[in-house]
N, C-alpha and C. Protein backbone atom coordinates (compact mmCIF):
# COMPACT_ATOMS: atom_id res chain seq x y z
N MET A 1 14.86 27.69 1.69
CA MET A 1 14.74 26.26 2.15
C MET A 1 13.42 26.06 3.49
N ALA A 2 13.15 25.12 3.45
CA ALA A 2 11.80 25.09 4.65
C ALA A 2 12.51 25.33 6.21
N SER A 3 12.03 25.94 7.12
CA SER A 3 12.73 26.18 8.47
C SER A 3 12.25 24.56 8.73
N VAL A 4 10.97 23.79 8.60
CA VAL A 4 10.90 22.76 9.46
C VAL A 4 11.49 21.57 8.79
N THR A 5 11.81 20.65 9.79
CA THR A 5 12.52 19.49 9.38
C THR A 5 11.64 18.49 10.28
N VAL A 6 11.56 17.08 9.60
CA VAL A 6 11.19 15.96 10.14
C VAL A 6 12.56 15.12 10.20
N PHE A 7 12.85 14.28 11.20
CA PHE A 7 13.80 12.98 11.23
C PHE A 7 12.93 11.98 11.48
N GLY A 8 13.36 11.10 10.76
CA GLY A 8 12.84 9.81 10.32
C GLY A 8 12.10 9.45 8.98
N PRO A 9 12.17 7.79 9.39
CA PRO A 9 11.72 7.38 8.12
C PRO A 9 9.99 7.33 7.83
N PRO A 10 9.43 7.75 6.79
CA PRO A 10 8.06 7.41 6.67
C PRO A 10 7.53 6.52 6.83
N LEU A 11 8.12 5.11 7.30
CA LEU A 11 7.15 3.79 7.43
C LEU A 11 6.79 4.16 8.92
N SER A 12 7.58 4.86 9.36
CA SER A 12 7.08 4.94 11.06
C SER A 12 6.13 5.37 10.86
N THR A 13 5.48 4.90 12.13
CA THR A 13 3.57 5.38 12.67
C THR A 13 4.00 6.69 12.98
N ALA A 14 4.89 7.08 14.01
CA ALA A 14 5.28 8.31 14.47
C ALA A 14 5.54 9.51 13.48
N VAL A 15 6.71 9.00 12.81
CA VAL A 15 7.04 9.78 11.74
C VAL A 15 5.45 10.44 10.64
N SER A 16 4.33 9.28 10.15
CA SER A 16 3.83 9.72 9.44
C SER A 16 2.33 10.05 9.90
N ARG A 17 2.36 9.86 11.08
CA ARG A 17 1.67 11.08 11.40
C ARG A 17 1.86 12.62 11.68
N VAL A 18 3.33 12.66 12.04
CA VAL A 18 3.65 14.25 11.62
C VAL A 18 3.55 14.75 10.55
N LEU A 19 3.89 14.00 9.83
CA LEU A 19 3.94 14.20 7.94
C LEU A 19 2.49 14.58 7.60
N ALA A 20 1.91 13.83 8.07
CA ALA A 20 0.48 13.97 7.65
C ALA A 20 -0.51 15.30 8.17
N CYS A 21 -0.20 15.99 9.28
CA CYS A 21 -0.06 17.05 9.78
C CYS A 21 0.18 18.09 9.37
N LEU A 22 1.38 17.78 8.74
CA LEU A 22 2.15 19.14 8.27
C LEU A 22 1.57 19.55 6.70
N LEU A 23 1.32 17.95 5.90
CA LEU A 23 0.20 18.45 4.61
C LEU A 23 -0.75 18.86 4.76
N GLU A 24 -1.49 18.78 5.88
CA GLU A 24 -2.84 19.46 6.32
C GLU A 24 -2.91 20.88 6.31
N LYS A 25 -1.81 21.13 6.98
CA LYS A 25 -2.01 22.33 7.58
C LYS A 25 -0.67 23.14 6.10
N ASP A 26 -0.36 22.54 5.26
CA ASP A 26 0.34 23.29 4.57
C ASP A 26 1.49 24.19 5.02
N VAL A 27 2.22 23.14 5.48
CA VAL A 27 3.43 23.65 6.05
C VAL A 27 4.28 22.96 5.10
N GLU A 28 5.56 23.94 4.43
CA GLU A 28 6.27 23.11 4.06
C GLU A 28 7.32 22.79 4.78
N PHE A 29 8.11 21.62 4.62
CA PHE A 29 8.89 20.41 5.17
C PHE A 29 10.23 20.13 4.67
N GLU A 30 10.78 19.83 5.34
CA GLU A 30 12.15 18.56 4.69
C GLU A 30 12.29 17.73 5.78
N LEU A 31 12.12 16.23 5.12
CA LEU A 31 12.27 15.22 5.62
C LEU A 31 13.93 14.76 5.89
N SER A 32 14.50 14.74 6.62
CA SER A 32 15.69 13.98 6.81
C SER A 32 15.65 12.58 6.97
N PRO A 33 16.14 11.42 6.36
CA PRO A 33 16.04 10.16 6.64
C PRO A 33 16.69 9.52 7.70
N VAL A 34 16.35 8.90 8.87
CA VAL A 34 17.36 8.18 9.49
C VAL A 34 17.13 6.84 9.29
N ASP A 35 18.31 6.20 8.92
CA ASP A 35 18.90 4.92 8.85
C ASP A 35 18.64 4.09 10.02
N MET A 36 17.25 3.50 10.69
CA MET A 36 17.65 3.10 11.52
C MET A 36 18.23 1.57 11.79
N SER A 37 18.28 1.01 10.90
CA SER A 37 18.95 -0.37 10.83
C SER A 37 20.30 -0.38 10.52
N LYS A 38 20.76 1.45 10.73
CA LYS A 38 22.49 1.39 10.60
C LYS A 38 22.47 2.11 11.99
N GLY A 39 21.94 2.41 13.21
CA GLY A 39 21.98 2.71 13.95
C GLY A 39 21.81 4.06 14.55
N GLN A 40 21.74 5.09 13.44
CA GLN A 40 21.41 6.21 12.52
C GLN A 40 20.95 6.99 13.97
N HIS A 41 19.58 6.33 14.60
CA HIS A 41 18.95 6.94 15.94
C HIS A 41 19.19 7.17 17.19
N LYS A 42 20.37 5.95 17.14
CA LYS A 42 21.71 6.21 18.52
C LYS A 42 22.51 6.86 18.17
N ALA A 43 22.64 7.95 16.97
CA ALA A 43 24.02 8.43 17.34
C ALA A 43 24.60 9.78 17.89
N PRO A 44 25.30 10.28 18.49
CA PRO A 44 25.09 11.18 19.60
C PRO A 44 24.68 12.80 18.96
N GLU A 45 24.42 12.50 17.60
CA GLU A 45 23.89 14.18 16.86
C GLU A 45 22.49 13.59 16.80
N PHE A 46 22.28 12.58 16.66
CA PHE A 46 20.70 12.30 16.75
C PHE A 46 19.97 12.51 18.40
N LEU A 47 20.62 12.10 19.19
CA LEU A 47 20.51 12.33 20.49
C LEU A 47 20.22 13.31 21.27
N LYS A 48 20.92 14.25 20.77
CA LYS A 48 20.65 15.68 21.08
C LYS A 48 19.32 16.39 20.59
N LEU A 49 18.42 15.47 19.18
CA LEU A 49 17.34 16.02 19.11
C LEU A 49 16.09 15.05 19.60
N GLN A 50 16.72 14.05 19.95
CA GLN A 50 15.65 13.02 20.43
C GLN A 50 16.41 12.03 21.25
N PRO A 51 16.06 12.47 22.71
CA PRO A 51 17.08 11.92 24.07
C PRO A 51 16.96 10.69 23.87
N PHE A 52 15.77 9.63 23.75
CA PHE A 52 15.22 8.31 23.45
C PHE A 52 15.49 7.86 22.44
N GLY A 53 16.36 8.27 21.42
CA GLY A 53 16.76 7.73 20.47
C GLY A 53 15.91 6.55 19.67
N GLN A 54 14.87 7.53 19.56
CA GLN A 54 13.36 7.38 18.71
C GLN A 54 13.26 7.82 17.54
N VAL A 55 12.11 7.85 16.79
CA VAL A 55 11.60 8.82 15.59
C VAL A 55 10.47 8.89 16.15
N PRO A 56 9.70 10.03 15.66
CA PRO A 56 10.71 11.57 14.87
C PRO A 56 11.05 12.31 15.94
N ALA A 57 12.33 12.95 14.96
CA ALA A 57 12.43 14.16 15.97
C ALA A 57 12.20 15.32 15.14
N PHE A 58 12.10 16.35 15.58
CA PHE A 58 11.19 17.63 14.55
C PHE A 58 12.09 19.01 14.91
N ARG A 59 12.45 19.54 14.34
CA ARG A 59 13.18 20.72 14.58
C ARG A 59 12.29 22.29 13.41
N ASP A 60 12.03 22.87 13.59
CA ASP A 60 11.12 24.43 13.79
C ASP A 60 12.26 25.70 14.04
N GLY A 61 13.24 25.79 13.26
CA GLY A 61 14.34 26.77 13.50
C GLY A 61 14.90 26.64 14.66
N GLY A 62 14.89 27.26 15.90
CA GLY A 62 15.54 27.20 17.01
C GLY A 62 14.97 25.91 18.07
N ILE A 63 13.45 25.69 17.41
CA ILE A 63 12.54 24.61 18.24
C ILE A 63 12.98 23.16 18.38
N THR A 64 12.85 22.36 18.68
CA THR A 64 12.94 21.10 18.76
C THR A 64 12.23 20.09 19.63
N LEU A 65 11.61 19.40 19.00
CA LEU A 65 9.94 18.80 19.81
C LEU A 65 10.49 16.95 19.31
N PHE A 66 10.25 15.64 19.74
CA PHE A 66 10.32 14.76 20.19
C PHE A 66 9.36 13.51 19.98
N GLU A 67 7.96 14.56 20.45
CA GLU A 67 6.95 12.90 20.57
C GLU A 67 5.78 13.60 19.81
N SER A 68 5.23 12.85 18.91
CA SER A 68 4.75 12.86 17.37
C SER A 68 3.39 13.70 17.67
N ARG A 69 2.73 13.05 19.03
CA ARG A 69 1.15 13.93 19.44
C ARG A 69 1.74 15.07 19.45
N ALA A 70 2.27 15.51 20.40
CA ALA A 70 3.11 17.01 20.83
C ALA A 70 3.32 18.01 19.63
N ILE A 71 4.15 16.93 18.56
CA ILE A 71 4.59 18.17 17.42
C ILE A 71 3.09 18.16 16.84
N CYS A 72 2.18 17.33 16.55
CA CYS A 72 1.16 17.63 15.90
C CYS A 72 0.45 19.03 16.37
N ARG A 73 0.19 18.97 17.82
CA ARG A 73 -0.40 19.87 18.39
C ARG A 73 0.11 21.02 18.38
N TYR A 74 1.72 20.89 18.26
CA TYR A 74 2.61 22.57 18.06
C TYR A 74 2.42 23.27 16.63
N ILE A 75 2.28 22.09 15.58
CA ILE A 75 2.31 22.38 14.18
C ILE A 75 0.70 23.14 14.54
N CYS A 76 -0.25 22.63 15.09
CA CYS A 76 -1.30 22.80 14.96
C CYS A 76 -1.56 24.56 15.25
N ASP A 77 -1.23 24.47 16.45
CA ASP A 77 -0.89 25.93 17.12
C ASP A 77 0.43 27.12 16.43
N LYS A 78 0.93 26.50 16.11
CA LYS A 78 2.21 27.60 15.62
C LYS A 78 1.30 28.07 14.25
N TYR A 79 1.02 27.12 12.61
CA TYR A 79 0.58 27.48 11.95
C TYR A 79 -0.89 27.18 11.88
N SER A 80 -1.18 28.09 12.81
CA SER A 80 -3.15 27.79 13.02
C SER A 80 -3.98 29.13 11.64
N ASP A 81 -3.33 29.67 11.10
CA ASP A 81 -3.73 30.40 10.33
C ASP A 81 -3.63 30.17 8.71
N GLN A 82 -2.54 28.64 8.84
CA GLN A 82 -2.67 27.76 7.28
C GLN A 82 -3.31 27.18 7.20
N GLY A 83 -3.62 26.08 6.16
CA GLY A 83 -4.15 24.69 5.82
C GLY A 83 -5.41 24.58 6.64
N ASN A 84 -5.67 23.32 7.34
CA ASN A 84 -7.15 23.13 7.61
C ASN A 84 -7.02 23.84 9.19
N ALA A 85 -7.90 24.64 8.98
CA ALA A 85 -8.32 25.47 10.08
C ALA A 85 -8.76 24.63 11.48
N SER A 86 -9.57 23.59 10.98
CA SER A 86 -10.47 23.39 12.35
C SER A 86 -9.77 22.05 12.89
N LEU A 87 -8.23 21.53 12.55
CA LEU A 87 -7.30 20.77 12.57
C LEU A 87 -7.58 20.24 14.29
N ILE A 88 -7.27 21.43 15.40
CA ILE A 88 -7.68 21.18 16.76
C ILE A 88 -8.54 21.87 17.21
N GLY A 89 -9.39 22.12 16.29
CA GLY A 89 -10.81 23.41 16.68
C GLY A 89 -10.38 24.87 16.32
N THR A 90 -11.85 25.57 16.33
CA THR A 90 -11.80 26.61 15.99
C THR A 90 -11.60 27.55 17.14
N ARG A 91 -11.37 29.17 17.12
CA ARG A 91 -11.84 30.04 17.49
C ARG A 91 -13.13 30.24 17.98
N GLU A 92 -13.94 29.67 17.10
CA GLU A 92 -15.03 29.94 17.42
C GLU A 92 -15.76 28.85 17.89
N GLY A 93 -15.06 27.56 17.87
CA GLY A 93 -15.98 26.28 18.58
C GLY A 93 -15.93 26.31 19.92
N GLY A 94 -14.54 26.97 20.29
CA GLY A 94 -14.31 27.72 21.85
C GLY A 94 -13.98 26.19 22.58
N LEU A 95 -14.14 26.05 24.35
CA LEU A 95 -13.27 25.19 24.43
C LEU A 95 -13.83 23.87 24.43
N LEU A 96 -15.36 23.27 24.03
CA LEU A 96 -15.92 22.72 24.30
C LEU A 96 -15.54 21.68 22.86
N GLU A 97 -15.30 22.09 21.54
CA GLU A 97 -14.80 22.12 20.65
C GLU A 97 -12.96 21.23 20.87
N ARG A 98 -12.40 22.01 21.47
CA ARG A 98 -11.10 21.93 21.81
C ARG A 98 -10.78 20.82 22.16
N TYR A 99 -11.61 20.89 23.63
CA TYR A 99 -11.58 19.50 24.09
C TYR A 99 -12.05 18.35 23.95
N SER A 100 -13.11 18.06 23.21
CA SER A 100 -13.63 16.69 22.87
C SER A 100 -12.39 16.33 21.49
N ILE A 101 -11.95 17.39 20.86
CA ILE A 101 -10.89 16.56 19.98
C ILE A 101 -9.75 16.03 21.37
N GLU A 102 -9.42 16.76 22.29
CA GLU A 102 -8.46 16.36 23.22
C GLU A 102 -8.51 14.76 23.55
N GLN A 103 -9.96 14.79 24.02
CA GLN A 103 -10.31 13.29 24.63
C GLN A 103 -10.62 12.69 23.75
N TRP A 104 -10.46 12.58 22.39
CA TRP A 104 -10.47 11.38 21.41
C TRP A 104 -8.72 11.23 21.12
N LEU A 105 -8.13 12.25 21.02
CA LEU A 105 -6.62 12.18 21.11
C LEU A 105 -6.46 11.25 22.20
N GLU A 106 -6.85 11.44 23.09
CA GLU A 106 -6.56 10.48 24.37
C GLU A 106 -6.70 9.28 24.11
N ALA A 107 -7.95 8.95 23.92
CA ALA A 107 -8.28 7.91 23.16
C ALA A 107 -7.71 6.84 22.55
N GLU A 108 -6.99 7.76 21.76
CA GLU A 108 -5.94 6.62 20.57
C GLU A 108 -5.17 6.63 21.19
N SER A 109 -4.35 7.56 21.83
CA SER A 109 -2.81 7.35 22.56
C SER A 109 -3.01 6.12 23.52
N GLN A 110 -4.13 6.26 24.49
CA GLN A 110 -4.26 5.43 25.79
C GLN A 110 -5.39 4.51 25.79
N SER A 111 -5.77 3.85 24.34
CA SER A 111 -6.63 3.08 24.67
C SER A 111 -6.77 2.19 23.11
N TYR A 112 -6.49 3.02 22.11
CA TYR A 112 -6.05 2.18 20.78
C TYR A 112 -4.73 1.84 20.22
N ASN A 113 -3.74 2.68 20.86
CA ASN A 113 -2.45 2.71 20.55
C ASN A 113 -1.78 1.99 20.57
N SER A 114 -2.24 0.96 22.08
CA SER A 114 -1.37 0.23 22.18
C SER A 114 -2.00 -1.53 21.48
N PRO A 115 -3.19 -2.12 21.93
CA PRO A 115 -3.69 -3.26 20.86
C PRO A 115 -3.74 -3.07 19.55
N SER A 116 -3.58 -2.07 18.75
CA SER A 116 -3.28 -1.63 17.43
C SER A 116 -1.87 -2.34 17.10
N SER A 117 -0.96 -1.50 17.82
CA SER A 117 0.39 -1.40 17.58
C SER A 117 0.89 -3.11 17.24
N THR A 118 0.48 -3.64 19.05
CA THR A 118 0.81 -5.24 19.02
C THR A 118 0.53 -6.01 17.92
N LEU A 119 -0.59 -5.54 17.17
CA LEU A 119 -1.24 -6.39 16.13
C LEU A 119 -0.44 -6.30 14.93
N VAL A 120 -0.20 -5.08 14.83
CA VAL A 120 0.74 -4.59 13.62
C VAL A 120 2.29 -5.11 13.84
N LEU A 121 2.33 -5.40 14.66
CA LEU A 121 3.90 -5.77 15.50
C LEU A 121 3.89 -7.17 15.24
N GLN A 122 3.13 -7.73 15.57
CA GLN A 122 3.12 -9.02 15.99
C GLN A 122 2.69 -10.12 14.53
N LEU A 123 1.59 -9.24 14.07
CA LEU A 123 1.30 -10.26 12.40
C LEU A 123 1.76 -9.39 11.25
N ALA A 124 2.11 -8.33 11.09
CA ALA A 124 2.67 -7.45 9.79
C ALA A 124 4.48 -7.66 9.79
N LEU A 125 5.00 -7.65 11.55
CA LEU A 125 6.53 -7.47 11.42
C LEU A 125 7.11 -8.44 11.79
N ALA A 126 6.70 -9.05 13.01
CA ALA A 126 7.03 -10.08 13.24
C ALA A 126 7.92 -11.20 11.98
N PRO A 127 6.79 -11.39 11.45
CA PRO A 127 7.34 -12.54 10.32
C PRO A 127 8.47 -12.21 9.08
N ARG A 128 8.38 -10.91 9.06
CA ARG A 128 9.41 -10.49 8.07
C ARG A 128 10.41 -10.48 8.84
N MET A 129 10.66 -10.10 10.13
CA MET A 129 12.03 -9.86 11.06
C MET A 129 12.33 -10.67 11.30
N GLY A 130 11.69 -12.30 11.12
CA GLY A 130 12.09 -13.56 11.46
C GLY A 130 11.66 -13.79 13.03
N LEU A 131 10.76 -12.95 13.35
CA LEU A 131 10.47 -12.99 14.83
C LEU A 131 9.46 -14.03 14.70
N LYS A 132 9.24 -14.60 16.65
CA LYS A 132 8.31 -15.59 16.51
C LYS A 132 6.82 -15.09 17.33
N GLN A 133 5.84 -15.14 16.52
CA GLN A 133 4.62 -14.64 17.05
C GLN A 133 4.08 -15.39 18.30
N ASP A 134 3.70 -14.67 18.95
CA ASP A 134 3.09 -14.77 20.48
C ASP A 134 1.35 -14.97 19.81
N PRO A 135 0.79 -16.02 19.99
CA PRO A 135 -0.62 -16.00 19.69
C PRO A 135 -1.63 -15.68 20.68
N ALA A 136 -1.06 -15.80 22.01
CA ALA A 136 -1.74 -15.66 23.11
C ALA A 136 -2.01 -13.50 23.09
N LEU A 137 -0.95 -13.26 22.82
CA LEU A 137 -0.37 -12.07 23.27
C LEU A 137 -1.72 -11.44 21.71
N ILE A 138 -1.61 -11.54 20.49
CA ILE A 138 -2.38 -11.66 19.51
C ILE A 138 -3.65 -11.53 19.80
N GLU A 139 -4.38 -13.00 19.94
CA GLU A 139 -6.03 -12.74 20.49
C GLU A 139 -5.67 -11.93 21.71
N GLN A 140 -5.18 -11.82 23.22
CA GLN A 140 -5.91 -10.68 23.86
C GLN A 140 -5.50 -8.81 23.26
N SER A 141 -4.63 -8.74 22.28
CA SER A 141 -4.93 -7.36 21.73
C SER A 141 -5.62 -7.52 20.81
N GLU A 142 -6.31 -8.26 20.23
CA GLU A 142 -7.47 -8.86 19.35
C GLU A 142 -8.84 -7.90 20.07
N ALA A 143 -8.85 -8.92 21.08
CA ALA A 143 -9.98 -8.66 22.10
C ALA A 143 -10.31 -7.13 22.65
N LYS A 144 -9.39 -6.53 23.12
CA LYS A 144 -8.92 -4.99 23.32
C LYS A 144 -9.54 -4.11 22.82
N LEU A 145 -8.53 -4.78 21.33
CA LEU A 145 -8.84 -3.56 20.29
C LEU A 145 -10.59 -3.87 20.19
N SER A 146 -11.16 -4.88 19.85
CA SER A 146 -12.46 -4.87 19.92
C SER A 146 -13.32 -4.30 20.68
N LYS A 147 -12.88 -4.12 21.72
CA LYS A 147 -13.89 -3.56 22.82
C LYS A 147 -13.85 -1.91 22.38
N VAL A 148 -12.45 -1.67 22.46
CA VAL A 148 -12.04 0.10 22.08
C VAL A 148 -13.20 0.04 20.67
N LEU A 149 -13.73 -0.16 19.56
CA LEU A 149 -13.90 -0.13 18.22
C LEU A 149 -15.39 0.09 18.40
N ASP A 150 -15.76 -1.09 19.65
CA ASP A 150 -17.27 -1.32 20.10
C ASP A 150 -18.15 0.01 20.53
N VAL A 151 -16.83 1.49 21.53
CA VAL A 151 -16.91 2.58 21.69
C VAL A 151 -17.02 3.24 20.42
N TYR A 152 -15.90 3.37 19.53
CA TYR A 152 -15.95 4.22 18.33
C TYR A 152 -17.32 3.97 17.45
N GLU A 153 -17.63 2.74 17.22
CA GLU A 153 -18.47 2.34 16.66
C GLU A 153 -20.14 3.18 16.67
N GLN A 154 -20.39 3.11 18.03
CA GLN A 154 -21.11 3.65 18.77
C GLN A 154 -21.29 5.46 18.45
N ARG A 155 -19.76 5.75 18.60
CA ARG A 155 -19.80 7.27 19.16
C ARG A 155 -19.75 7.74 17.13
N LEU A 156 -19.25 7.12 16.19
CA LEU A 156 -19.42 7.49 14.97
C LEU A 156 -20.51 7.12 14.10
N ALA A 157 -21.58 6.14 15.03
CA ALA A 157 -23.39 6.33 14.68
C ALA A 157 -23.79 7.88 14.90
N GLU A 158 -23.08 8.58 15.52
CA GLU A 158 -23.86 9.94 16.21
C GLU A 158 -23.07 11.11 15.56
N SER A 159 -21.95 10.39 15.11
CA SER A 159 -20.94 11.73 14.69
C SER A 159 -20.03 11.66 13.41
N ARG A 160 -19.75 12.27 12.25
CA ARG A 160 -19.15 11.99 11.32
C ARG A 160 -17.58 11.28 11.59
N PHE A 161 -17.49 12.23 12.38
CA PHE A 161 -16.25 12.16 12.60
C PHE A 161 -15.46 12.11 14.05
N LEU A 162 -14.94 11.57 15.00
CA LEU A 162 -14.41 11.53 16.00
C LEU A 162 -15.12 12.66 17.41
N ALA A 163 -14.63 13.74 16.84
CA ALA A 163 -14.76 14.88 17.65
C ALA A 163 -15.94 15.83 16.95
N GLY A 164 -16.51 15.42 16.28
CA GLY A 164 -17.63 16.33 15.57
C GLY A 164 -17.89 15.64 14.23
N ASP A 165 -18.30 17.26 13.60
CA ASP A 165 -18.52 16.93 12.03
C ASP A 165 -17.61 17.15 11.53
N GLU A 166 -16.12 17.65 11.92
CA GLU A 166 -14.92 18.24 11.12
C GLU A 166 -13.66 17.11 11.81
N PHE A 167 -13.06 16.53 10.25
CA PHE A 167 -12.34 15.95 10.32
C PHE A 167 -10.95 16.65 11.22
N THR A 168 -10.25 16.40 12.38
CA THR A 168 -9.62 16.60 13.37
C THR A 168 -8.46 16.06 13.61
N LEU A 169 -7.42 16.41 14.49
CA LEU A 169 -6.54 15.63 14.59
C LEU A 169 -6.86 14.53 15.27
N ALA A 170 -8.10 14.17 16.17
CA ALA A 170 -8.18 13.32 16.43
C ALA A 170 -8.52 11.74 15.91
N ASP A 171 -8.70 12.63 14.39
CA ASP A 171 -8.96 11.28 13.14
C ASP A 171 -7.46 10.91 12.61
N LEU A 172 -6.76 11.94 12.22
CA LEU A 172 -6.06 12.24 11.75
C LEU A 172 -4.83 11.20 12.76
N SER A 173 -4.66 11.48 14.12
CA SER A 173 -3.58 9.82 15.09
C SER A 173 -4.23 8.62 14.61
N HIS A 174 -5.26 8.22 14.13
CA HIS A 174 -5.73 7.37 13.98
C HIS A 174 -4.98 6.57 12.48
N LEU A 175 -4.84 7.01 11.92
CA LEU A 175 -4.12 6.42 10.50
C LEU A 175 -2.97 5.87 10.55
N PRO A 176 -2.06 6.02 11.35
CA PRO A 176 -0.58 5.12 10.91
C PRO A 176 -1.18 3.79 11.18
N ASN A 177 -1.86 3.68 12.47
CA ASN A 177 -1.62 2.17 12.77
C ASN A 177 -3.02 1.34 12.03
N THR A 178 -3.73 2.45 11.70
CA THR A 178 -4.88 1.19 10.76
C THR A 178 -4.65 1.72 9.49
N GLN A 179 -3.81 2.15 9.10
CA GLN A 179 -3.40 1.82 7.49
C GLN A 179 -3.01 0.29 7.69
N TYR A 180 -1.83 0.38 8.64
CA TYR A 180 -0.92 -1.69 8.45
C TYR A 180 -1.81 -2.52 9.35
N LEU A 181 -2.85 -2.23 9.94
CA LEU A 181 -4.01 -2.92 10.32
C LEU A 181 -4.38 -3.20 9.23
N VAL A 182 -5.10 -2.59 8.51
CA VAL A 182 -6.03 -3.10 7.22
C VAL A 182 -5.24 -3.22 6.07
N ASN A 183 -4.20 -2.96 5.27
CA ASN A 183 -3.74 -3.19 4.65
C ASN A 183 -2.28 -3.99 4.57
N ALA A 184 -1.56 -4.31 5.83
CA ALA A 184 -0.77 -5.28 5.92
C ALA A 184 -1.23 -6.54 6.81
N THR A 185 -2.21 -7.30 7.65
CA THR A 185 -2.76 -7.98 8.04
C THR A 185 -3.81 -9.01 8.10
N ASP A 186 -4.35 -9.71 8.25
CA ASP A 186 -5.60 -10.04 8.36
C ASP A 186 -6.33 -9.90 9.54
N ARG A 187 -6.44 -8.97 9.64
CA ARG A 187 -7.26 -8.52 10.94
C ARG A 187 -7.83 -7.20 10.13
N GLY A 188 -7.89 -7.04 9.09
CA GLY A 188 -8.67 -5.53 8.98
C GLY A 188 -9.87 -5.53 9.30
N GLY A 189 -10.40 -6.71 9.17
CA GLY A 189 -12.21 -6.71 9.24
C GLY A 189 -12.36 -6.06 10.67
N LEU A 190 -11.75 -5.63 11.68
CA LEU A 190 -11.99 -5.49 13.04
C LEU A 190 -12.40 -3.70 12.76
N ILE A 191 -11.88 -3.37 11.67
CA ILE A 191 -12.17 -2.10 11.05
C ILE A 191 -13.62 -2.04 10.15
N THR A 192 -13.31 -2.82 8.91
CA THR A 192 -13.97 -2.69 7.71
C THR A 192 -15.01 -3.58 8.08
N SER A 193 -15.35 -4.67 8.74
CA SER A 193 -16.71 -4.98 9.31
C SER A 193 -18.12 -3.72 9.87
N ARG A 194 -17.14 -3.18 10.30
CA ARG A 194 -17.77 -2.03 11.47
C ARG A 194 -18.84 -1.33 10.49
N GLU A 195 -20.17 -1.41 10.51
CA GLU A 195 -20.62 -0.22 9.84
C GLU A 195 -20.31 1.20 10.01
N ASN A 196 -19.94 1.88 10.81
CA ASN A 196 -19.81 3.19 11.00
C ASN A 196 -18.01 3.19 11.10
N VAL A 197 -17.23 2.59 11.86
CA VAL A 197 -15.94 2.53 11.70
C VAL A 197 -15.60 2.49 10.16
N GLY A 198 -15.91 1.44 9.42
CA GLY A 198 -15.66 1.07 8.33
C GLY A 198 -15.59 2.59 7.17
N ARG A 199 -16.88 3.02 7.32
CA ARG A 199 -17.52 4.78 6.70
C ARG A 199 -16.59 5.48 7.18
N TRP A 200 -16.36 5.64 8.38
CA TRP A 200 -15.24 6.75 8.94
C TRP A 200 -13.65 6.44 8.32
N TRP A 201 -13.03 5.11 8.49
CA TRP A 201 -12.14 4.67 7.93
C TRP A 201 -11.93 5.02 6.30
N GLU A 202 -12.93 4.66 5.74
CA GLU A 202 -13.17 4.93 4.04
C GLU A 202 -12.83 6.19 3.85
N GLU A 203 -13.00 7.36 4.33
CA GLU A 203 -13.28 8.60 5.13
C GLU A 203 -11.83 9.74 4.52
N ILE A 204 -11.68 9.07 5.99
CA ILE A 204 -10.15 9.81 6.51
C ILE A 204 -8.89 9.09 5.57
N SER A 205 -9.61 7.84 5.56
CA SER A 205 -7.75 7.41 4.54
C SER A 205 -7.50 7.64 3.11
N LYS A 206 -8.76 8.30 2.52
CA LYS A 206 -8.91 8.71 1.68
C LYS A 206 -8.33 10.09 1.24
N ARG A 207 -7.91 11.01 2.46
CA ARG A 207 -7.71 12.31 2.30
C ARG A 207 -6.32 12.58 1.48
N ASP A 208 -6.13 13.74 1.04
CA ASP A 208 -5.02 14.17 0.09
C ASP A 208 -3.70 13.87 1.14
N SER A 209 -3.63 14.47 2.10
CA SER A 209 -2.43 14.66 2.94
C SER A 209 -2.06 13.57 2.77
N TRP A 210 -2.97 12.33 3.41
CA TRP A 210 -2.56 11.01 3.74
C TRP A 210 -2.54 10.08 2.71
N MET A 211 -2.83 10.03 1.95
CA MET A 211 -2.39 9.45 0.57
C MET A 211 -1.01 9.95 -0.44
N LYS A 212 -0.70 11.25 0.20
CA LYS A 212 0.39 11.73 -0.02
C LYS A 212 1.54 10.99 0.85
N VAL A 213 1.41 10.83 1.92
CA VAL A 213 2.01 10.05 2.73
C VAL A 213 2.16 8.39 2.53
N VAL A 214 1.62 7.88 2.37
CA VAL A 214 1.31 6.68 2.04
C VAL A 214 2.08 6.23 0.60
N GLU A 215 2.26 7.34 -0.48
CA GLU A 215 3.14 7.63 -1.49
C GLU A 215 4.69 7.31 -0.97
N MET A 216 4.95 8.44 -0.30
CA MET A 216 6.07 8.23 0.53
C MET A 216 6.49 7.17 0.96
N GLN A 217 5.25 6.79 1.96
CA GLN A 217 6.33 4.96 2.48
C GLN A 217 6.16 4.19 0.95
N LYS A 218 5.81 4.60 0.36
CA LYS A 218 5.86 3.28 -0.75
C LYS A 218 7.10 3.42 -1.10
N ALA A 219 7.44 5.31 -1.22
CA ALA A 219 9.04 5.10 -2.21
C ALA A 219 10.23 4.85 -0.86
N GLY A 220 9.97 4.96 0.45
CA GLY A 220 10.64 4.49 0.69
C GLY A 220 11.01 3.31 1.59
N ALA A 221 10.17 2.20 1.35
CA ALA A 221 9.82 0.63 1.27
C ALA A 221 10.83 0.03 1.13
N PRO A 222 11.71 -0.52 1.60
CA PRO A 222 12.52 -1.61 0.92
C PRO A 222 12.05 -2.68 0.01
N GLN A 223 13.26 -2.72 -1.44
CA GLN A 223 12.83 -3.49 -2.44
C GLN A 223 13.18 -4.80 -2.35
N PRO A 224 12.26 -5.65 -2.94
CA PRO A 224 12.42 -7.18 -2.51
C PRO A 224 13.61 -7.15 -3.62
N SER A 225 14.70 -8.11 -3.09
CA SER A 225 15.93 -8.42 -3.89
C SER A 225 15.35 -9.52 -4.46
């Protein structure tokens, strides 16, 4: 039995980030579903793993963690000798390589995540959940994301991937929100219409690890009645 357990549904962007990282690093894991519609994420036992009552929760032996990007960093450091050796930088690459990755991880977390998450929620999820969309918020988020992507477009004109010439955790962390944005909303052109961002997305979205996650998402998606 694998010592690593991920708690949460693959459809969650944060859970899928962790799954992609585990697959990149060839780490065996068990996925423990959490039925959020039944409030399982608020159950006392789950709150011992994830005190904020969100997903994912992560357990590796006696270690428990709950924030997806921190979990990914942990996986890369703990299992440094497995799978994709360049995901968080190599020893040969030194501090410059490692912190180039870190700065683009921060760009995803601080600049990309919020507007892209809002667009996914407003355009893809709100209609399914019977929630009213906010046109002003959609417009504002689209403008913010466009400015971020303009920076990415310039960066990716100079570099194959965000942190350099190798696929790293910086690129991986963008996969979940971008997957929904491109495939589940009518704003996918924000990504695909930009020459370099579109080229980058085409490449990273075809990685075996991410394609396996997408299959897991499809298997776990609610079926139409």
